[in-house]
Amino acid sequence: MTLAPYIHAMGRGPGRARHLTGPEARDAMRLMLSGKADPHAIGALLMLMRYRGEIPDEIAGFVRAVRATLPTLPQVDLDWPSYAAGRTRGLPWFLLAARLVAQSGTRVLLHGWNSHQSDGADVRSSLSYAGICQAGGPDDAARLLDRYGIAYLPLETFAPRALDLLRLREVLGLRSCVNTVCRVLNPAGARAAVQGVFHPPYRNLQQAAGAALSQPDLCILKGGGGEFERNPSKDVALFRLRAGVPMETVLPPLLDQARKLADATFAPDALQALWHGTLRDEFAQSIVTGTAAAALIALGHTPDNASELAKTLWDDRRPSTQATRFQQGASAP
């Protein structure tokens, strides 16, 4: 079997071309992941889909194919993907928000791969300053989740072929639907998930794909650089699934001042300083608590309750020496 029938279906010309069905998309992705598909055909298929636009059934079919190749991952409560690219975004404050949610007793799995990020915004190099461990693989992630309630799992440790497809951006010069697939993937099958997008239309797409995949609870927002990160100076629309039912919730601004997430320049150690209280910055703190509140909504809390709980968690946060140990070169515990 080759990708030719699917390329033909999508590229026949005006009035005759069509999108793939869910089963066709699943089979096409299965071929791409197998390593047996011609590289030229893979590029052609991905760019045709880029040109035509992605639809929920195609994304859901791709996701099902990727999930079939995954190793067993630890059970978690909240899936938190991080696949944004961007040279202009600021420090990844959302990492502290994820840690705050984990402090509530929620098992949070961060996973991802990022490209085109500036030094100050790089997610992986910021993990240690946020007190979050990077796992070496699924078994290590399970151990870290048992100990800390949160872990970051690199895409290459559980879906290396998906990373190969994602990195075709470096060859093709354009983002492909694989980026959407990774955001929607939820590799550990968490009941609740959060997702960030950069382009607003993807909120509807990922919401519908989540529904097609029977994702129970989901919150999607247009966030900093495409991450699940809330700007506290703007209202934010949450595109949601609640018990599988699509809905939308609009959260009002938390602050009067109008600022962009990348306006202030911070070194990565500002994450640790904010958590420990040696840095006081109302805007940064509001990013953290506001983003945590949005994640708590995904977990079933009402907006008002989520906001109050996020503030309480922040006030009761437990500073640790974990990040400091990592910075000094110690291995993950």
Protein backbone atom coordinates (compact mmCIF):
# COMPACT_ATOMS: atom_id res chain seq x y z
CA MET A 1 0.00 0.00 0.00
CA THR A 2 1.20 3.53 -0.80
CA LEU A 3 0.04 7.03 -0.05
CA ALA A 4 -0.81 7.62 -3.72
CA PRO A 5 -4.59 7.02 -3.39
CA TYR A 6 -4.82 9.58 -0.58
CA ILE A 7 -2.72 12.15 -2.44
CA HIS A 8 -4.91 11.58 -5.49
CA ALA A 9 -8.10 12.09 -3.47
CA MET A 10 -6.88 15.37 -2.00
CA GLY A 11 -5.17 16.77 -5.08
CA ARG A 12 -7.45 16.00 -8.03
CA GLY A 13 -8.35 19.60 -8.75
CA PRO A 14 -11.22 22.07 -8.25
CA GLY A 15 -14.55 20.41 -7.70
CA ARG A 16 -13.11 16.90 -7.54
CA ALA A 17 -10.62 16.92 -4.67
CA ARG A 18 -11.85 15.96 -1.22
CA HIS A 19 -10.73 15.53 2.36
CA LEU A 20 -9.79 12.14 3.74
CA THR A 21 -12.23 10.12 5.77
CA GLY A 22 -11.27 9.15 9.31
CA PRO A 23 -10.31 5.57 8.34
CA GLU A 24 -8.32 6.85 5.34
CA ALA A 25 -6.43 9.30 7.53
CA ARG A 26 -5.70 6.57 10.05
CA ASP A 27 -4.30 4.29 7.34
CA ALA A 28 -2.27 7.12 5.80
CA MET A 29 -0.67 7.96 9.13
CA ARG A 30 -0.03 4.28 9.80
CA LEU A 31 1.95 4.16 6.58
CA MET A 32 3.87 7.32 7.40
CA LEU A 33 4.79 5.99 10.83
CA SER A 34 5.86 2.61 9.45
CA GLY A 35 8.80 4.10 7.58
CA LYS A 36 7.61 2.40 4.36
CA ALA A 37 6.04 5.46 2.74
CA ASP A 38 8.06 7.40 0.18
CA PRO A 39 9.39 10.65 1.73
CA HIS A 40 8.23 12.65 -1.29
CA ALA A 41 4.73 11.24 -0.89
CA ILE A 42 4.70 12.15 2.81
CA GLY A 43 5.64 15.73 2.02
CA ALA A 44 3.02 15.91 -0.75
CA LEU A 45 0.26 14.62 1.52
CA LEU A 46 1.11 16.92 4.40
CA MET A 47 1.33 19.99 2.17
CA LEU A 48 -1.93 19.16 0.40
CA MET A 49 -3.59 19.00 3.78
CA ARG A 50 -1.93 22.26 4.72
CA TYR A 51 -3.31 23.86 1.55
CA ARG A 52 -6.82 22.44 1.91
CA GLY A 53 -7.00 22.91 5.67
CA GLU A 54 -7.32 20.23 8.31
CA ILE A 55 -10.68 18.79 9.32
CA PRO A 56 -11.59 17.00 12.58
CA ASP A 57 -12.00 13.53 11.05
CA GLU A 58 -8.53 13.69 9.49
CA ILE A 59 -6.92 14.78 12.75
CA ALA A 60 -8.80 12.12 14.72
CA GLY A 61 -7.74 9.44 12.24
CA PHE A 62 -4.11 10.53 12.44
CA VAL A 63 -4.26 10.55 16.26
CA ARG A 64 -5.69 7.03 16.39
CA ALA A 65 -2.82 5.77 14.23
CA VAL A 66 -0.18 7.43 16.42
CA ARG A 67 -1.80 6.15 19.62
CA ALA A 68 -1.60 2.60 18.28
CA THR A 69 2.20 2.87 18.25
CA LEU A 70 2.68 4.30 21.76
CA PRO A 71 4.19 2.49 24.73
CA THR A 72 2.23 2.13 27.93
CA LEU A 73 2.27 5.43 29.79
CA PRO A 74 1.48 6.13 33.45
CA GLN A 75 -2.06 7.04 34.46
CA VAL A 76 -2.57 10.80 34.77
CA ASP A 77 -5.42 13.20 35.45
CA LEU A 78 -4.46 16.07 33.18
CA ASP A 79 -2.77 16.07 29.77
CA TRP A 80 -0.74 19.23 29.08
CA PRO A 81 0.91 19.33 25.61
CA SER A 82 3.63 21.85 24.77
CA TYR A 83 4.36 22.04 21.04
CA ALA A 84 4.48 25.76 20.41
CA ALA A 85 7.09 27.48 18.30
CA GLY A 86 7.85 31.15 18.45
CA ARG A 87 10.77 33.51 18.63
CA THR A 88 8.83 36.33 20.25
CA ARG A 89 7.06 34.74 23.21
CA GLY A 90 8.17 35.41 26.73
CA LEU A 91 9.25 33.16 29.58
CA PRO A 92 7.11 29.97 29.87
CA TRP A 93 5.23 30.96 33.01
CA PHE A 94 2.69 28.21 32.24
CA LEU A 95 5.17 25.72 33.70
CA LEU A 96 4.53 27.17 37.15
CA ALA A 97 0.79 26.97 36.49
CA ALA A 98 1.12 23.27 35.72
CA ARG A 99 3.11 22.78 38.91
CA LEU A 100 0.46 24.66 40.85
CA VAL A 101 -2.27 22.37 39.52
CA ALA A 102 -0.18 19.34 40.46
CA GLN A 103 0.02 20.74 43.98
CA SER A 104 -3.75 20.24 44.23
CA GLY A 105 -3.24 16.47 44.02
CA THR A 106 -3.74 16.26 40.25
CA ARG A 107 -1.30 14.10 38.28
CA VAL A 108 -0.12 16.29 35.40
CA LEU A 109 1.78 15.03 32.37
CA LEU A 110 3.52 17.68 30.31
CA HIS A 111 4.86 16.44 27.00
CA GLY A 112 6.22 18.04 23.87
CA TRP A 113 8.84 19.36 21.54
CA ASN A 114 9.42 22.99 20.60
CA SER A 115 11.22 24.74 17.78
CA HIS A 116 12.25 28.29 16.85
CA GLN A 117 12.35 29.39 20.49
CA SER A 118 14.59 32.09 21.91
CA ASP A 119 16.89 31.31 24.82
CA GLY A 120 14.66 33.01 27.36
CA ALA A 121 11.53 31.24 26.16
CA ASP A 122 12.85 27.71 25.70
CA VAL A 123 10.61 25.28 27.55
CA ARG A 124 13.06 22.47 28.24
CA SER A 125 15.81 24.71 29.55
CA SER A 126 13.26 26.37 31.85
CA LEU A 127 11.97 23.16 33.43
CA SER A 128 14.53 23.03 36.20
CA TYR A 129 13.82 26.62 37.21
CA ALA A 130 10.13 25.73 37.45
CA GLY A 131 10.92 22.73 39.65
CA ILE A 132 9.71 20.20 37.07
CA CYS A 133 11.67 17.06 36.15
CA GLN A 134 12.23 15.94 32.58
CA ALA A 135 11.64 12.21 32.30
CA GLY A 136 13.95 9.94 30.36
CA GLY A 137 11.08 7.74 29.21
CA PRO A 138 7.69 6.33 30.26
CA ASP A 139 9.02 4.38 33.26
CA ASP A 140 10.89 7.42 34.53
CA ALA A 141 7.77 9.54 34.03
CA ALA A 142 5.78 7.10 36.18
CA ARG A 143 8.35 7.36 38.97
CA LEU A 144 8.40 11.16 38.83
CA LEU A 145 4.61 11.39 38.79
CA ASP A 146 4.42 9.16 41.85
CA ARG A 147 6.91 11.36 43.65
CA TYR A 148 5.99 14.87 42.51
CA GLY A 149 2.63 14.60 40.76
CA ILE A 150 4.08 16.16 37.61
CA ALA A 151 6.62 15.30 34.91
CA TYR A 152 7.68 16.47 31.46
CA LEU A 153 8.03 13.70 28.87
CA PRO A 154 9.88 14.60 25.64
CA LEU A 155 8.11 13.53 22.45
CA GLU A 156 11.17 11.62 21.21
CA THR A 157 11.04 9.28 24.22
CA PHE A 158 7.56 7.92 23.47
CA ALA A 159 6.79 8.76 19.81
CA PRO A 160 10.08 9.23 17.92
CA ARG A 161 8.55 8.70 14.48
CA ALA A 162 5.94 11.38 15.19
CA LEU A 163 8.82 13.73 15.97
CA ASP A 164 10.42 12.86 12.62
CA LEU A 165 7.20 13.90 10.89
CA LEU A 166 6.91 17.04 13.00
CA ARG A 167 10.44 18.07 12.07
CA LEU A 168 9.62 18.01 8.37
CA ARG A 169 8.79 21.65 8.97
CA GLU A 170 12.54 22.22 8.71
CA VAL A 171 12.46 20.76 5.19
CA LEU A 172 9.11 22.02 3.96
CA GLY A 173 9.30 25.46 5.55
CA LEU A 174 5.71 25.25 6.78
CA ARG A 175 3.86 23.90 9.76
CA SER A 176 1.95 20.69 9.08
CA CYS A 177 -1.08 18.98 10.59
CA VAL A 178 1.30 16.83 12.68
CA ASN A 179 1.58 19.80 15.05
CA THR A 180 -2.18 19.64 15.62
CA VAL A 181 -2.00 15.86 16.01
CA CYS A 182 0.59 16.15 18.78
CA ARG A 183 -1.51 18.70 20.65
CA VAL A 184 -4.59 16.48 20.48
CA LEU A 185 -2.71 13.21 21.09
CA ASN A 186 -3.23 12.86 24.88
CA PRO A 187 -0.82 9.90 24.93
CA ALA A 188 -1.65 8.74 28.46
CA GLY A 189 -5.42 8.90 27.95
CA ALA A 190 -6.11 11.49 30.64
CA ARG A 191 -9.77 12.30 31.21
CA ALA A 192 -9.02 16.03 31.13
CA ALA A 193 -6.74 17.90 28.73
CA VAL A 194 -5.66 21.45 28.02
CA GLN A 195 -4.42 22.73 24.67
CA GLY A 196 -3.05 26.03 23.45
CA VAL A 197 -3.24 27.39 19.91
CA PHE A 198 -1.69 30.38 18.17
CA HIS A 199 -4.20 30.77 15.34
CA PRO A 200 -7.80 31.13 16.64
CA PRO A 201 -9.48 28.83 14.04
CA TYR A 202 -7.60 25.88 15.50
CA ARG A 203 -9.68 26.17 18.67
CA ASN A 204 -12.76 24.94 16.81
CA LEU A 205 -10.76 22.29 14.95
CA GLN A 206 -9.18 20.81 18.08
CA GLN A 207 -12.45 20.97 20.00
CA ALA A 208 -14.21 19.00 17.24
CA ALA A 209 -11.30 16.55 16.95
CA GLY A 210 -11.48 16.00 20.71
CA ALA A 211 -15.18 15.25 20.43
CA ALA A 212 -14.51 12.80 17.58
CA LEU A 213 -11.96 11.06 19.80
CA SER A 214 -14.43 10.92 22.75
CA GLN A 215 -12.27 13.17 24.92
CA PRO A 216 -14.42 13.80 28.01
CA ASP A 217 -13.08 17.12 29.30
CA LEU A 218 -11.03 19.67 27.39
CA CYS A 219 -10.10 23.36 27.48
CA ILE A 220 -8.47 25.12 24.52
CA LEU A 221 -7.35 28.75 24.43
CA LYS A 222 -5.35 31.08 22.25
CA GLY A 223 -2.24 31.40 24.37
CA GLY A 224 1.23 32.85 24.46
CA GLY A 225 3.12 31.58 21.42
CA GLY A 226 0.52 28.86 21.05
CA GLU A 227 0.98 27.42 24.55
CA PHE A 228 -1.80 26.91 27.06
CA GLU A 229 -1.00 30.18 28.80
CA ARG A 230 -3.48 32.92 29.65
CA ASN A 231 -2.79 36.63 29.21
CA PRO A 232 -4.31 38.19 32.37
CA SER A 233 -4.85 41.57 30.72
CA LYS A 234 -7.31 40.23 28.12
CA ASP A 235 -10.54 38.31 28.15
CA VAL A 236 -10.02 34.74 26.97
CA ALA A 237 -12.41 32.34 25.28
CA LEU A 238 -12.17 28.73 26.42
CA PHE A 239 -13.32 26.24 23.79
CA ARG A 240 -14.35 23.30 25.91
CA LEU A 241 -15.66 19.80 26.11
CA ARG A 242 -17.48 19.07 29.32
CA ALA A 243 -18.43 15.39 29.63
CA GLY A 244 -17.99 15.32 25.86
CA VAL A 245 -20.38 18.20 25.21
CA PRO A 246 -18.96 21.22 23.28
CA MET A 247 -19.29 24.56 25.02
CA GLU A 248 -17.56 27.92 25.25
CA THR A 249 -16.67 29.93 28.35
CA VAL A 250 -15.31 33.48 28.27
CA LEU A 251 -13.11 34.53 31.19
CA PRO A 252 -12.76 38.27 31.89
CA PRO A 253 -9.42 40.08 32.25
CA LEU A 254 -7.70 39.72 35.60
CA LEU A 255 -5.79 43.01 35.39
CA ASP A 256 -6.56 46.49 34.04
CA GLN A 257 -3.12 47.03 32.54
CA ALA A 258 -2.75 46.04 28.89
CA ARG A 259 0.45 44.06 28.35
CA LYS A 260 1.74 41.38 26.05
CA LEU A 261 3.18 38.19 27.45
CA ALA A 262 6.57 38.98 25.89
CA ASP A 263 6.68 42.63 26.99
CA ALA A 264 8.83 42.03 30.06
CA THR A 265 12.26 40.48 29.68
CA PHE A 266 13.13 37.91 32.32
CA ALA A 267 15.91 35.35 32.60
CA PRO A 268 14.74 31.75 33.17
CA ASP A 269 15.68 31.92 36.85
CA ALA A 270 12.77 34.35 37.29
CA LEU A 271 10.52 31.28 37.34
CA GLN A 272 12.22 30.03 40.48
CA ALA A 273 12.31 33.54 41.97
CA LEU A 274 8.58 34.07 41.46
CA TRP A 275 7.75 30.69 43.01
CA HIS A 276 9.95 31.39 46.03
CA GLY A 277 8.70 34.95 46.44
CA THR A 278 12.01 36.71 45.82
CA LEU A 279 10.51 38.19 42.63
CA ARG A 280 7.27 40.12 42.93
CA ASP A 281 5.56 40.83 39.63
CA GLU A 282 1.77 41.11 39.55
CA PHE A 283 1.53 40.43 35.83
CA ALA A 284 3.68 37.28 35.95
CA GLN A 285 1.86 35.99 39.03
CA SER A 286 -1.49 36.58 37.31
CA ILE A 287 -0.31 34.62 34.28
CA VAL A 288 0.43 31.69 36.58
CA THR A 289 -2.75 31.77 38.65
CA GLY A 290 -4.95 32.64 35.67
CA THR A 291 -3.54 29.78 33.61
CA ALA A 292 -3.87 27.39 36.55
CA ALA A 293 -7.51 28.44 36.94
CA ALA A 294 -8.17 27.69 33.26
CA ALA A 295 -6.63 24.23 33.72
CA LEU A 296 -8.76 23.64 36.82
CA ILE A 297 -11.84 24.42 34.72
CA ALA A 298 -10.80 21.60 32.42
CA LEU A 299 -10.73 19.37 35.51
CA GLY A 300 -14.37 20.17 36.26
CA HIS A 301 -14.27 23.24 38.51
CA THR A 302 -16.57 26.17 37.85
CA PRO A 303 -14.82 29.36 36.70
CA ASP A 304 -15.38 31.12 40.04
CA ASN A 305 -14.27 28.13 42.06
CA ALA A 306 -11.25 27.57 39.81
CA SER A 307 -10.12 31.16 40.26
CA GLU A 308 -10.38 30.98 44.05
CA LEU A 309 -8.68 27.60 44.18
CA ALA A 310 -5.80 28.82 42.02
CA LYS A 311 -5.23 31.77 44.35
CA THR A 312 -5.36 29.48 47.38
CA LEU A 313 -2.89 27.07 45.80
CA TRP A 314 -0.57 29.98 45.07
CA ASP A 315 -0.75 31.23 48.64
CA ASP A 316 -0.14 27.69 49.94
CA ARG A 317 2.51 26.69 47.39
CA ARG A 318 5.36 24.57 48.65
CA PRO A 319 8.76 25.96 47.68
CA SER A 320 11.36 23.24 47.38
CA THR A 321 15.06 22.91 46.66
CA GLN A 322 14.35 20.65 43.69
CA ALA A 323 15.05 23.28 41.02
CA THR A 324 18.19 24.42 42.79
CA ARG A 325 19.58 20.87 42.84
CA PHE A 326 19.02 20.53 39.10
CA GLN A 327 20.74 23.83 38.38
CA GLN A 328 23.78 22.63 40.30
CA GLY A 329 24.06 19.63 38.00
CA ALA A 330 22.45 16.92 40.10
CA SER A 331 20.57 14.19 38.26
CA ALA A 332 16.83 13.90 38.51
CA PRO A 333 15.80 12.35 41.82
